[in-house]
Structures are given as structure tokens and as C-alpha cells.
Amino acid sequence: MIIRGKDKGESGLIKRVIRSQNRVIVEGKNLVKKHIKQGEGQTGGIFSMEAPLHVSNVQVIDPVTGKPCKTTYKYLPDGTKVRVSRGMNASGAVIPRPEILKERKKPRPTSHGPKDTPIEHVLEKTYDAKAGIGMPDL
């Protein structure tokens, strides 16, 4: 839901996230007129397009109350991390993670690279205060 600007109070689906600028594009909202010059293979004219909104002007909608709310993260008894609504209009319900965010853009590497530390070196015990191993000579 958009909480500030000319489309205040309207809700829509987030079409794109621009992380570098902390902005989002909401589908069908914050429309601006774009003047495009005629060129090779394309017609010119005045077109309506969605402009990005700053993330501080958008809030998640609580699935129970239908009002905008803030979110926090909590762990369920089985250990899974979930988003939970919080704030004045919040019900404390679990907010499901969008499908687009469930996929990683950069997959985690499965093979070891040249700069990865071998597991034998990681598990090697190099300091023990009681036995005096790894203590500096003073």
C-alpha cells in the first residue's frame, strides 16, 4: 500500500525492486507522462508509465486487517524464520514471503574456489588457554 504521494491509500502489486536506489515500481500506480521522440522503427508520442517510489513511501498490507503495517522477523517453534506484522493496525499474523523473493538471483556456490579455506584448517584447534597452546611468549 502506498502511504505518501499522489496515490496515497491505494494498493498494488510490486512489479520491480531497484535495490541500488531503494525504490520500487508499483503496478498501475504513480503514473507519469513520458514524451518519446519518434525514431527509427518506433512511433513517438506521449505515453503513461509507472515511476519508481521510494521504499519509505510503501508499506506491506496486513493479511488479516487489510491495513498497512510494519514487519518484523520471528522464529517459529520448528526453527523457520517468518515475517510477522507489527504496529498499531497489526494483527501479529505471519506475512508470506513473495514467490519472486524465494529464488536467489545469484545461486550459492556449490564447489570450492581457490580462496576457500579447507575444512581441515577450519576445524584445527590452534588455541587452548589451559594447555598453553597458542599463547604468546611474554
N, C-alpha and C. Protein backbone atom coordinates (compact mmCIF):
# COMPACT_ATOMS: atom_id res chain seq x y z
N MET A 1 0.85 -1.18 0.00
CA MET A 1 0.00 0.00 0.00
C MET A 1 0.89 1.24 0.00
N ILE A 2 0.49 2.23 -0.79
CA ILE A 2 1.23 3.49 -0.86
C ILE A 2 0.75 4.39 0.27
N ILE A 3 1.68 4.89 1.08
CA ILE A 3 1.29 5.69 2.25
C ILE A 3 1.56 7.18 2.08
N ARG A 4 2.28 7.58 1.02
CA ARG A 4 2.54 9.00 0.75
C ARG A 4 2.54 9.24 -0.75
N GLY A 5 2.21 10.47 -1.15
CA GLY A 5 2.24 10.83 -2.56
C GLY A 5 0.85 10.97 -3.14
N LYS A 6 0.81 11.12 -4.46
CA LYS A 6 -0.48 11.37 -5.12
C LYS A 6 -1.40 10.15 -5.13
N ASP A 7 -0.84 8.95 -4.99
CA ASP A 7 -1.64 7.72 -4.94
C ASP A 7 -1.78 7.18 -3.52
N LYS A 8 -1.76 8.06 -2.53
CA LYS A 8 -1.83 7.66 -1.12
C LYS A 8 -3.11 6.88 -0.85
N GLY A 9 -2.97 5.76 -0.12
CA GLY A 9 -4.10 4.93 0.24
C GLY A 9 -4.42 3.84 -0.75
N GLU A 10 -3.80 3.86 -1.93
CA GLU A 10 -4.06 2.83 -2.93
C GLU A 10 -3.07 1.69 -2.76
N SER A 11 -3.49 0.51 -3.13
CA SER A 11 -2.60 -0.64 -3.02
C SER A 11 -2.40 -1.28 -4.39
N GLY A 12 -1.30 -1.96 -4.54
CA GLY A 12 -1.00 -2.61 -5.80
C GLY A 12 0.12 -3.61 -5.62
N LEU A 13 0.41 -4.33 -6.68
CA LEU A 13 1.44 -5.36 -6.67
C LEU A 13 2.78 -4.74 -7.04
N ILE A 14 3.83 -5.09 -6.33
CA ILE A 14 5.15 -4.57 -6.65
C ILE A 14 5.68 -5.29 -7.86
N LYS A 15 5.98 -4.52 -8.90
CA LYS A 15 6.39 -5.05 -10.18
C LYS A 15 7.90 -5.26 -10.25
N ARG A 16 8.64 -4.32 -9.66
CA ARG A 16 10.10 -4.36 -9.74
C ARG A 16 10.70 -3.67 -8.53
N VAL A 17 11.85 -4.16 -8.07
CA VAL A 17 12.57 -3.56 -6.95
C VAL A 17 13.92 -3.08 -7.47
N ILE A 18 14.24 -1.80 -7.21
CA ILE A 18 15.52 -1.24 -7.60
C ILE A 18 16.31 -1.05 -6.31
N ARG A 19 17.08 -2.06 -5.94
CA ARG A 19 17.79 -2.06 -4.65
C ARG A 19 18.85 -0.97 -4.55
N SER A 20 19.51 -0.65 -5.63
CA SER A 20 20.59 0.34 -5.59
C SER A 20 20.07 1.74 -5.23
N GLN A 21 18.82 2.02 -5.58
CA GLN A 21 18.24 3.34 -5.30
C GLN A 21 17.20 3.30 -4.19
N ASN A 22 16.96 2.13 -3.57
CA ASN A 22 15.92 1.96 -2.54
C ASN A 22 14.55 2.37 -3.06
N ARG A 23 14.22 1.92 -4.25
CA ARG A 23 12.94 2.28 -4.86
C ARG A 23 12.22 1.04 -5.38
N VAL A 24 10.88 1.16 -5.49
CA VAL A 24 10.05 0.08 -6.03
C VAL A 24 9.12 0.67 -7.08
N ILE A 25 8.70 -0.18 -8.02
CA ILE A 25 7.70 0.22 -9.02
C ILE A 25 6.44 -0.58 -8.72
N VAL A 26 5.34 0.14 -8.44
CA VAL A 26 4.06 -0.50 -8.12
C VAL A 26 3.23 -0.52 -9.40
N GLU A 27 2.65 -1.67 -9.69
CA GLU A 27 1.93 -1.88 -10.94
C GLU A 27 0.69 -0.97 -11.02
N GLY A 28 0.64 -0.12 -12.05
CA GLY A 28 -0.51 0.75 -12.30
C GLY A 28 -0.61 1.98 -11.41
N LYS A 29 0.41 2.26 -10.61
CA LYS A 29 0.37 3.42 -9.69
C LYS A 29 1.54 4.37 -10.00
N ASN A 30 1.41 5.61 -9.52
CA ASN A 30 2.42 6.66 -9.71
C ASN A 30 2.72 6.85 -11.19
N LEU A 31 1.66 6.98 -11.98
CA LEU A 31 1.81 7.14 -13.43
C LEU A 31 2.27 8.54 -13.78
N VAL A 32 3.23 8.63 -14.70
CA VAL A 32 3.73 9.90 -15.20
C VAL A 32 3.68 9.87 -16.72
N LYS A 33 3.63 11.05 -17.34
CA LYS A 33 3.62 11.15 -18.79
C LYS A 33 5.06 11.22 -19.29
N LYS A 34 5.39 10.39 -20.26
CA LYS A 34 6.74 10.35 -20.82
C LYS A 34 6.65 10.75 -22.29
N HIS A 35 7.40 11.79 -22.67
CA HIS A 35 7.44 12.25 -24.05
C HIS A 35 8.56 11.51 -24.77
N ILE A 36 8.20 10.76 -25.79
CA ILE A 36 9.19 9.97 -26.53
C ILE A 36 9.24 10.48 -27.96
N LYS A 37 10.46 10.77 -28.41
CA LYS A 37 10.68 11.28 -29.75
C LYS A 37 10.61 10.14 -30.75
N GLN A 38 10.07 10.45 -31.94
CA GLN A 38 9.95 9.43 -32.97
C GLN A 38 11.34 9.11 -33.52
N GLY A 39 11.59 7.84 -33.71
CA GLY A 39 12.88 7.42 -34.23
C GLY A 39 12.71 6.28 -35.21
N GLU A 40 13.82 5.64 -35.53
CA GLU A 40 13.78 4.52 -36.47
C GLU A 40 13.03 3.33 -35.86
N GLY A 41 11.99 2.90 -36.50
CA GLY A 41 11.26 1.72 -36.06
C GLY A 41 10.33 1.92 -34.89
N GLN A 42 10.20 3.11 -34.37
CA GLN A 42 9.28 3.34 -33.26
C GLN A 42 8.54 4.65 -33.45
N THR A 43 7.30 4.66 -32.98
CA THR A 43 6.50 5.87 -33.10
C THR A 43 6.69 6.73 -31.86
N GLY A 44 6.63 8.02 -32.06
CA GLY A 44 6.77 8.95 -30.95
C GLY A 44 5.43 9.28 -30.35
N GLY A 45 5.45 10.07 -29.29
CA GLY A 45 4.21 10.49 -28.67
C GLY A 45 4.35 10.63 -27.17
N ILE A 46 3.21 10.78 -26.51
CA ILE A 46 3.18 10.91 -25.05
C ILE A 46 2.61 9.62 -24.49
N PHE A 47 3.38 8.95 -23.63
CA PHE A 47 2.98 7.67 -23.06
C PHE A 47 2.92 7.78 -21.54
N SER A 48 2.01 7.02 -20.94
CA SER A 48 1.94 6.93 -19.48
C SER A 48 2.77 5.74 -19.03
N MET A 49 3.60 5.95 -18.02
CA MET A 49 4.39 4.85 -17.48
C MET A 49 4.51 5.00 -15.97
N GLU A 50 4.85 3.89 -15.31
CA GLU A 50 4.96 3.90 -13.85
C GLU A 50 6.33 4.44 -13.45
N ALA A 51 6.33 5.38 -12.50
CA ALA A 51 7.58 5.93 -11.98
C ALA A 51 7.90 5.24 -10.65
N PRO A 52 9.19 5.12 -10.32
CA PRO A 52 9.56 4.46 -9.06
C PRO A 52 9.17 5.29 -7.84
N LEU A 53 8.83 4.59 -6.75
CA LEU A 53 8.53 5.21 -5.46
C LEU A 53 9.62 4.81 -4.47
N HIS A 54 9.94 5.69 -3.54
CA HIS A 54 10.91 5.32 -2.51
C HIS A 54 10.27 4.30 -1.57
N VAL A 55 11.09 3.37 -1.06
CA VAL A 55 10.55 2.30 -0.22
C VAL A 55 9.92 2.82 1.07
N SER A 56 10.31 4.00 1.53
CA SER A 56 9.73 4.54 2.75
C SER A 56 8.29 5.01 2.54
N ASN A 57 7.87 5.14 1.29
CA ASN A 57 6.51 5.57 0.97
C ASN A 57 5.57 4.40 0.71
N VAL A 58 6.04 3.18 0.93
CA VAL A 58 5.26 1.98 0.67
C VAL A 58 5.32 1.09 1.90
N GLN A 59 4.19 0.46 2.26
CA GLN A 59 4.16 -0.49 3.37
C GLN A 59 3.44 -1.76 2.98
N VAL A 60 3.77 -2.83 3.68
CA VAL A 60 3.14 -4.13 3.46
C VAL A 60 1.74 -4.10 4.07
N ILE A 61 0.79 -4.80 3.43
CA ILE A 61 -0.58 -4.86 3.95
C ILE A 61 -0.71 -6.09 4.85
N ASP A 62 -1.31 -5.89 6.03
CA ASP A 62 -1.56 -6.99 6.96
C ASP A 62 -2.59 -7.93 6.33
N PRO A 63 -2.31 -9.24 6.25
CA PRO A 63 -3.26 -10.15 5.61
C PRO A 63 -4.59 -10.30 6.36
N VAL A 64 -4.63 -10.00 7.65
CA VAL A 64 -5.86 -10.16 8.43
C VAL A 64 -6.69 -8.88 8.44
N THR A 65 -6.07 -7.74 8.78
CA THR A 65 -6.81 -6.48 8.89
C THR A 65 -6.94 -5.74 7.57
N GLY A 66 -6.03 -5.97 6.61
CA GLY A 66 -6.07 -5.27 5.34
C GLY A 66 -5.54 -3.86 5.41
N LYS A 67 -4.86 -3.50 6.51
CA LYS A 67 -4.31 -2.15 6.68
C LYS A 67 -2.79 -2.21 6.60
N PRO A 68 -2.13 -1.08 6.27
CA PRO A 68 -0.67 -1.10 6.19
C PRO A 68 -0.04 -1.30 7.57
N CYS A 69 1.07 -2.01 7.61
CA CYS A 69 1.73 -2.30 8.88
C CYS A 69 3.23 -2.45 8.66
N LYS A 70 3.97 -2.40 9.75
CA LYS A 70 5.40 -2.67 9.71
C LYS A 70 5.60 -4.17 9.89
N THR A 71 6.81 -4.63 9.61
CA THR A 71 7.07 -6.06 9.75
C THR A 71 8.28 -6.30 10.64
N THR A 72 8.31 -7.48 11.21
CA THR A 72 9.46 -7.93 11.99
C THR A 72 9.66 -9.40 11.66
N TYR A 73 10.78 -9.94 12.08
CA TYR A 73 11.05 -11.36 11.83
C TYR A 73 11.03 -12.11 13.15
N LYS A 74 10.42 -13.30 13.14
CA LYS A 74 10.38 -14.16 14.32
C LYS A 74 10.67 -15.58 13.88
N TYR A 75 11.05 -16.41 14.85
CA TYR A 75 11.31 -17.81 14.58
C TYR A 75 10.16 -18.66 15.14
N LEU A 76 9.66 -19.55 14.32
CA LEU A 76 8.60 -20.48 14.76
C LEU A 76 9.23 -21.58 15.61
N PRO A 77 8.42 -22.34 16.37
CA PRO A 77 8.98 -23.41 17.21
C PRO A 77 9.79 -24.46 16.43
N ASP A 78 9.47 -24.64 15.13
CA ASP A 78 10.25 -25.61 14.35
C ASP A 78 11.54 -25.01 13.79
N GLY A 79 11.79 -23.70 14.04
CA GLY A 79 13.06 -23.07 13.66
C GLY A 79 13.03 -22.28 12.37
N THR A 80 11.89 -22.22 11.68
CA THR A 80 11.82 -21.46 10.44
C THR A 80 11.63 -19.98 10.74
N LYS A 81 12.28 -19.14 9.94
CA LYS A 81 12.21 -17.69 10.11
C LYS A 81 11.07 -17.15 9.24
N VAL A 82 10.15 -16.36 9.85
CA VAL A 82 9.00 -15.83 9.14
C VAL A 82 8.84 -14.34 9.41
N ARG A 83 8.17 -13.65 8.45
CA ARG A 83 7.82 -12.23 8.65
C ARG A 83 6.51 -12.15 9.39
N VAL A 84 6.44 -11.25 10.38
CA VAL A 84 5.24 -11.08 11.19
C VAL A 84 4.88 -9.60 11.18
N SER A 85 3.58 -9.29 11.10
CA SER A 85 3.14 -7.90 11.11
C SER A 85 3.23 -7.33 12.52
N ARG A 86 3.57 -6.03 12.60
CA ARG A 86 3.64 -5.35 13.88
C ARG A 86 3.22 -3.90 13.69
N GLY A 87 2.86 -3.24 14.78
CA GLY A 87 2.44 -1.84 14.71
C GLY A 87 1.04 -1.65 15.24
N MET A 88 0.48 -0.45 15.03
CA MET A 88 -0.83 -0.10 15.57
C MET A 88 -1.96 -0.90 14.92
N ASN A 89 -1.93 -1.06 13.61
CA ASN A 89 -3.02 -1.74 12.90
C ASN A 89 -2.71 -3.21 12.65
N ALA A 90 -1.72 -3.75 13.33
CA ALA A 90 -1.26 -5.10 13.03
C ALA A 90 -2.00 -6.15 13.86
N SER A 91 -2.11 -7.34 13.27
CA SER A 91 -2.75 -8.45 13.96
C SER A 91 -1.72 -9.43 14.50
N GLY A 92 -0.46 -9.30 14.09
CA GLY A 92 0.57 -10.24 14.51
C GLY A 92 0.59 -11.50 13.67
N ALA A 93 -0.09 -11.46 12.53
CA ALA A 93 -0.17 -12.63 11.65
C ALA A 93 1.11 -12.78 10.84
N VAL A 94 1.36 -14.01 10.39
CA VAL A 94 2.52 -14.30 9.55
C VAL A 94 2.24 -13.79 8.14
N ILE A 95 3.19 -13.02 7.58
CA ILE A 95 3.07 -12.49 6.23
C ILE A 95 3.89 -13.40 5.31
N PRO A 96 3.26 -14.07 4.35
CA PRO A 96 4.02 -15.00 3.49
C PRO A 96 5.02 -14.26 2.62
N ARG A 97 6.13 -14.93 2.34
CA ARG A 97 7.18 -14.37 1.51
C ARG A 97 6.75 -14.46 0.04
N PRO A 98 6.91 -13.38 -0.75
CA PRO A 98 6.50 -13.43 -2.16
C PRO A 98 7.30 -14.46 -2.94
N GLU A 99 6.68 -15.02 -3.97
CA GLU A 99 7.32 -16.05 -4.79
C GLU A 99 8.59 -15.52 -5.45
N ILE A 100 8.59 -14.24 -5.85
CA ILE A 100 9.75 -13.68 -6.56
C ILE A 100 10.98 -13.62 -5.64
N LEU A 101 10.77 -13.52 -4.32
CA LEU A 101 11.89 -13.44 -3.39
C LEU A 101 12.38 -14.81 -2.94
N LYS A 102 11.64 -15.87 -3.27
CA LYS A 102 12.06 -17.20 -2.85
C LYS A 102 13.23 -17.72 -3.69
N GLU A 103 13.41 -17.15 -4.88
CA GLU A 103 14.52 -17.55 -5.74
C GLU A 103 15.69 -16.61 -5.51
N ARG A 104 16.88 -17.16 -5.49
CA ARG A 104 18.09 -16.35 -5.36
C ARG A 104 18.55 -15.94 -6.75
N LYS A 105 18.91 -14.65 -6.92
CA LYS A 105 19.42 -14.20 -8.21
C LYS A 105 20.80 -14.76 -8.47
N LYS A 106 21.62 -14.79 -7.43
CA LYS A 106 22.96 -15.37 -7.53
C LYS A 106 22.97 -16.64 -6.70
N PRO A 107 22.99 -17.80 -7.33
CA PRO A 107 22.96 -19.04 -6.54
C PRO A 107 24.22 -19.21 -5.71
N ARG A 108 24.08 -19.85 -4.56
CA ARG A 108 25.22 -20.10 -3.70
C ARG A 108 26.17 -21.07 -4.39
N PRO A 109 27.48 -20.82 -4.31
CA PRO A 109 28.42 -21.73 -4.98
C PRO A 109 28.44 -23.10 -4.31
N THR A 110 28.45 -24.14 -5.13
CA THR A 110 28.47 -25.50 -4.61
C THR A 110 29.88 -26.08 -4.60
N SER A 111 30.77 -25.55 -5.42
CA SER A 111 32.15 -26.06 -5.45
C SER A 111 33.07 -25.09 -4.72
N HIS A 112 34.20 -25.60 -4.24
CA HIS A 112 35.16 -24.78 -3.51
C HIS A 112 36.03 -24.02 -4.49
N GLY A 113 36.24 -22.76 -4.20
CA GLY A 113 37.08 -21.91 -5.03
C GLY A 113 38.51 -21.88 -4.52
N PRO A 114 39.39 -21.16 -5.21
CA PRO A 114 40.80 -21.11 -4.80
C PRO A 114 41.03 -20.36 -3.49
N LYS A 115 40.10 -19.48 -3.10
CA LYS A 115 40.28 -18.70 -1.88
C LYS A 115 39.52 -19.28 -0.68
N ASP A 116 38.83 -20.40 -0.87
CA ASP A 116 38.12 -21.04 0.23
C ASP A 116 39.09 -21.80 1.13
N THR A 117 38.89 -21.67 2.44
CA THR A 117 39.74 -22.36 3.41
C THR A 117 39.29 -23.82 3.53
N PRO A 118 40.25 -24.77 3.46
CA PRO A 118 39.87 -26.18 3.60
C PRO A 118 39.30 -26.46 4.99
N ILE A 119 38.39 -27.43 5.07
CA ILE A 119 37.70 -27.76 6.31
C ILE A 119 38.66 -28.25 7.39
N GLU A 120 39.78 -28.90 7.01
CA GLU A 120 40.76 -29.37 8.00
C GLU A 120 41.38 -28.20 8.75
N HIS A 121 41.67 -27.11 8.02
CA HIS A 121 42.26 -25.92 8.66
C HIS A 121 41.24 -25.20 9.54
N VAL A 122 39.98 -25.23 9.14
CA VAL A 122 38.94 -24.56 9.92
C VAL A 122 38.74 -25.26 11.25
N LEU A 123 38.74 -26.59 11.25
CA LEU A 123 38.48 -27.35 12.47
C LEU A 123 39.71 -27.55 13.34
N GLU A 124 40.89 -27.16 12.86
CA GLU A 124 42.12 -27.33 13.63
C GLU A 124 42.11 -26.42 14.86
N LYS A 125 42.44 -26.99 16.02
CA LYS A 125 42.45 -26.23 17.27
C LYS A 125 43.83 -25.59 17.43
N THR A 126 43.86 -24.26 17.42
CA THR A 126 45.14 -23.54 17.47
C THR A 126 45.33 -22.78 18.78
N TYR A 127 44.30 -22.78 19.64
CA TYR A 127 44.42 -22.03 20.88
C TYR A 127 43.75 -22.81 22.00
N ASP A 128 44.44 -22.97 23.10
CA ASP A 128 43.90 -23.59 24.31
C ASP A 128 44.57 -22.91 25.50
N ALA A 129 43.82 -22.15 26.27
CA ALA A 129 44.37 -21.37 27.37
C ALA A 129 44.88 -22.28 28.50
N LYS A 130 44.19 -23.38 28.78
CA LYS A 130 44.58 -24.27 29.89
C LYS A 130 45.88 -25.02 29.57
N ALA A 131 46.00 -25.48 28.33
CA ALA A 131 47.19 -26.25 27.94
C ALA A 131 48.33 -25.32 27.52
N GLY A 132 48.06 -24.06 27.29
CA GLY A 132 49.10 -23.13 26.89
C GLY A 132 49.41 -23.16 25.42
N ILE A 133 48.55 -23.77 24.61
CA ILE A 133 48.77 -23.84 23.16
C ILE A 133 48.31 -22.53 22.52
N GLY A 134 49.19 -21.94 21.72
CA GLY A 134 48.86 -20.72 21.01
C GLY A 134 49.02 -19.47 21.87
N MET A 135 49.62 -19.58 23.04
CA MET A 135 49.81 -18.42 23.91
C MET A 135 51.05 -17.65 23.47
N PRO A 136 51.00 -16.33 23.42
CA PRO A 136 52.18 -15.55 23.04
C PRO A 136 53.23 -15.61 24.15
N ASP A 137 54.48 -15.58 23.75
CA ASP A 137 55.58 -15.54 24.72
C ASP A 137 55.79 -14.12 25.18
N LEU A 138 55.51 -13.86 26.46
CA LEU A 138 55.67 -12.51 27.01
C LEU A 138 56.91 -12.38 27.85
